[in-house]
N, C-alpha and C. Protein backbone atom coordinates (compact mmCIF):
# COMPACT_ATOMS: atom_id res chain seq x y z
N UNK A 1 6.21 6.94 6.95
CA UNK A 1 5.29 8.02 7.18
C UNK A 1 5.47 8.53 8.60
N UNK A 2 6.41 9.38 8.76
CA UNK A 2 6.67 9.92 10.09
C UNK A 2 5.46 10.68 10.62
N UNK A 3 4.87 11.50 9.76
CA UNK A 3 3.67 12.22 10.16
C UNK A 3 2.45 11.41 9.77
N UNK A 4 1.42 11.54 10.58
CA UNK A 4 0.17 10.86 10.27
C UNK A 4 -0.50 11.52 9.08
N UNK A 5 -0.93 10.71 8.14
CA UNK A 5 -1.64 11.23 6.98
C UNK A 5 -3.13 11.04 7.19
N UNK A 6 -3.91 11.94 6.63
CA UNK A 6 -5.35 11.73 6.63
C UNK A 6 -5.65 10.61 5.62
N UNK A 7 -6.85 10.06 5.69
CA UNK A 7 -7.22 9.03 4.73
C UNK A 7 -7.11 9.55 3.30
N UNK A 8 -7.53 10.78 3.09
CA UNK A 8 -7.47 11.38 1.75
C UNK A 8 -6.03 11.52 1.27
N UNK A 9 -5.13 11.95 2.14
CA UNK A 9 -3.71 12.08 1.78
C UNK A 9 -3.11 10.71 1.47
N UNK A 10 -3.45 9.72 2.28
CA UNK A 10 -2.95 8.36 2.07
C UNK A 10 -3.42 7.83 0.71
N UNK A 11 -4.71 7.99 0.43
CA UNK A 11 -5.25 7.54 -0.84
C UNK A 11 -4.62 8.26 -2.02
N UNK A 12 -4.47 9.57 -1.91
CA UNK A 12 -3.89 10.36 -3.00
C UNK A 12 -2.44 9.96 -3.26
N UNK A 13 -1.68 9.81 -2.20
CA UNK A 13 -0.26 9.44 -2.35
C UNK A 13 -0.13 8.06 -2.99
N UNK A 14 -0.92 7.11 -2.53
CA UNK A 14 -0.88 5.76 -3.10
C UNK A 14 -1.34 5.77 -4.55
N UNK A 15 -2.38 6.55 -4.84
CA UNK A 15 -2.90 6.62 -6.21
C UNK A 15 -1.89 7.23 -7.17
N UNK A 16 -1.10 8.18 -6.70
CA UNK A 16 -0.06 8.77 -7.56
C UNK A 16 0.99 7.72 -7.93
N UNK A 17 1.38 6.90 -6.97
CA UNK A 17 2.32 5.82 -7.26
C UNK A 17 1.72 4.80 -8.22
N UNK A 18 0.48 4.44 -7.97
CA UNK A 18 -0.21 3.50 -8.85
C UNK A 18 -0.32 4.06 -10.27
N UNK A 19 -0.59 5.34 -10.39
CA UNK A 19 -0.69 5.97 -11.70
C UNK A 19 0.60 5.84 -12.49
N UNK A 20 1.72 6.00 -11.82
CA UNK A 20 3.01 5.87 -12.50
C UNK A 20 3.20 4.47 -13.05
N UNK A 21 2.89 3.47 -12.23
CA UNK A 21 3.06 2.08 -12.64
C UNK A 21 2.05 1.72 -13.73
N UNK A 22 0.82 2.15 -13.57
CA UNK A 22 -0.22 1.84 -14.54
C UNK A 22 0.08 2.46 -15.90
N UNK A 23 0.54 3.68 -15.91
CA UNK A 23 0.81 4.40 -17.15
C UNK A 23 2.09 3.91 -17.83
N UNK A 24 3.14 3.70 -17.03
CA UNK A 24 4.47 3.45 -17.61
C UNK A 24 5.02 2.06 -17.39
N UNK A 25 4.27 1.18 -16.72
CA UNK A 25 4.74 -0.19 -16.50
C UNK A 25 6.03 -0.24 -15.70
N UNK A 26 6.98 -1.04 -16.19
CA UNK A 26 8.24 -1.20 -15.46
C UNK A 26 8.99 0.11 -15.30
N UNK A 27 8.91 0.98 -16.25
CA UNK A 27 9.56 2.29 -16.12
C UNK A 27 8.92 3.06 -14.97
N UNK A 28 7.61 2.96 -14.84
CA UNK A 28 6.91 3.63 -13.76
C UNK A 28 7.34 3.16 -12.39
N UNK A 29 7.69 1.89 -12.29
CA UNK A 29 8.14 1.35 -11.01
C UNK A 29 9.37 2.10 -10.51
N UNK A 30 10.24 2.50 -11.42
CA UNK A 30 11.45 3.21 -11.02
C UNK A 30 11.17 4.64 -10.60
N UNK A 31 9.99 5.15 -10.91
CA UNK A 31 9.64 6.53 -10.58
C UNK A 31 8.82 6.68 -9.31
N UNK A 32 8.35 5.56 -8.77
CA UNK A 32 7.54 5.61 -7.55
C UNK A 32 8.44 5.98 -6.37
N UNK A 33 7.98 6.93 -5.55
CA UNK A 33 8.78 7.36 -4.40
C UNK A 33 8.59 6.42 -3.21
N UNK A 34 9.50 6.51 -2.27
CA UNK A 34 9.38 5.71 -1.05
C UNK A 34 8.09 6.05 -0.31
N UNK A 35 7.70 7.32 -0.31
CA UNK A 35 6.46 7.73 0.36
C UNK A 35 5.24 7.12 -0.32
N UNK A 36 5.27 7.03 -1.64
CA UNK A 36 4.15 6.42 -2.36
C UNK A 36 4.08 4.92 -2.09
N UNK A 37 5.22 4.26 -2.04
CA UNK A 37 5.26 2.83 -1.72
C UNK A 37 4.74 2.60 -0.31
N UNK A 38 5.17 3.43 0.61
CA UNK A 38 4.71 3.31 2.00
C UNK A 38 3.19 3.50 2.08
N UNK A 39 2.66 4.46 1.33
CA UNK A 39 1.22 4.69 1.31
C UNK A 39 0.49 3.49 0.71
N UNK A 40 1.03 2.92 -0.35
CA UNK A 40 0.42 1.73 -0.95
C UNK A 40 0.40 0.57 0.05
N UNK A 41 1.51 0.37 0.75
CA UNK A 41 1.57 -0.70 1.75
C UNK A 41 0.59 -0.43 2.88
N UNK A 42 0.48 0.81 3.30
CA UNK A 42 -0.47 1.16 4.34
C UNK A 42 -1.90 0.87 3.93
N UNK A 43 -2.23 1.18 2.69
CA UNK A 43 -3.58 0.89 2.19
C UNK A 43 -3.84 -0.60 2.11
N UNK A 44 -2.86 -1.37 1.65
CA UNK A 44 -3.03 -2.81 1.62
C UNK A 44 -3.30 -3.36 3.01
N UNK A 45 -2.57 -2.85 4.00
CA UNK A 45 -2.80 -3.28 5.38
C UNK A 45 -4.20 -2.87 5.86
N UNK A 46 -4.61 -1.65 5.53
CA UNK A 46 -5.95 -1.19 5.91
C UNK A 46 -7.04 -2.04 5.26
N UNK A 47 -6.78 -2.50 4.04
CA UNK A 47 -7.75 -3.33 3.34
C UNK A 47 -7.71 -4.78 3.79
N UNK A 48 -6.82 -5.10 4.73
CA UNK A 48 -6.83 -6.43 5.34
C UNK A 48 -5.78 -7.41 4.87
N UNK A 49 -4.86 -6.99 4.00
CA UNK A 49 -3.80 -7.90 3.55
C UNK A 49 -2.84 -8.16 4.71
N UNK A 50 -2.55 -9.42 4.96
CA UNK A 50 -1.65 -9.82 6.04
C UNK A 50 -0.21 -9.78 5.52
N UNK A 51 0.70 -9.14 6.23
CA UNK A 51 2.10 -9.13 5.77
C UNK A 51 2.74 -10.51 5.95
N UNK A 52 3.57 -10.88 5.00
CA UNK A 52 4.38 -12.09 5.12
C UNK A 52 5.82 -11.62 5.25
N UNK A 53 6.41 -11.88 6.39
CA UNK A 53 7.77 -11.39 6.65
C UNK A 53 8.80 -12.27 5.95
N UNK A 54 9.97 -11.73 5.64
CA UNK A 54 11.00 -12.50 4.93
C UNK A 54 11.28 -13.84 5.63
N UNK A 55 11.25 -14.89 4.85
CA UNK A 55 11.55 -16.23 5.35
C UNK A 55 10.37 -16.93 6.01
N UNK A 56 9.28 -16.21 6.23
CA UNK A 56 8.12 -16.82 6.89
C UNK A 56 7.23 -17.49 5.84
N UNK A 57 6.55 -18.55 6.25
CA UNK A 57 5.62 -19.18 5.31
C UNK A 57 4.37 -18.33 5.14
N UNK A 58 3.69 -18.52 4.04
CA UNK A 58 2.44 -17.79 3.81
C UNK A 58 1.35 -18.37 4.73
N UNK A 59 0.60 -17.49 5.37
CA UNK A 59 -0.49 -17.98 6.22
C UNK A 59 -1.63 -18.54 5.37
N UNK A 60 -2.49 -19.33 5.99
CA UNK A 60 -3.63 -19.87 5.25
C UNK A 60 -4.54 -18.76 4.76
N UNK A 61 -4.73 -17.74 5.58
CA UNK A 61 -5.58 -16.61 5.22
C UNK A 61 -4.70 -15.40 4.94
N UNK A 62 -4.78 -14.86 3.74
CA UNK A 62 -3.99 -13.68 3.40
C UNK A 62 -4.76 -12.38 3.60
N UNK A 63 -6.08 -12.49 3.69
CA UNK A 63 -6.92 -11.32 3.91
C UNK A 63 -7.68 -11.51 5.21
N UNK A 64 -7.61 -10.49 6.07
CA UNK A 64 -8.39 -10.54 7.30
C UNK A 64 -9.52 -9.52 7.20
N UNK A 65 -10.58 -9.77 7.91
CA UNK A 65 -11.69 -8.83 7.94
C UNK A 65 -11.26 -7.59 8.72
N UNK A 66 -11.57 -6.45 8.19
CA UNK A 66 -11.29 -5.21 8.89
C UNK A 66 -12.61 -4.54 9.21
N UNK A 67 -12.61 -3.74 10.24
CA UNK A 67 -13.81 -3.00 10.59
C UNK A 67 -13.81 -1.69 9.86
N UNK A 68 -14.98 -1.32 9.35
CA UNK A 68 -15.11 -0.05 8.66
C UNK A 68 -15.02 1.08 9.66
N UNK A 69 -14.23 2.12 9.30
CA UNK A 69 -14.07 3.27 10.17
C UNK A 69 -15.41 4.02 10.26
N UNK A 70 -15.78 4.40 11.48
CA UNK A 70 -17.05 5.12 11.66
C UNK A 70 -16.82 6.59 11.87
C-alpha cells in the first residue's frame, strides 16, 4: 500500500478479497489481488494479530490489545 488508505478503503479492499474466497473457496484464493491481501494483512494487524516471521517460533500471545481510534 504505497498510498495511505482511509479506514473505509482498507475495509472495502479487504472485504472484496474475503468475498472472493468466501464465495469461490480455493478458486477464489487465486483471484485475490496483492492489494486485497495487503489490506487483509493490514486489518489483521490493526485488530491486534501479532506477525510470526519465517522461522520464528510462535509467541505465547498471538493477539495484543489495541487502542480504539478516537
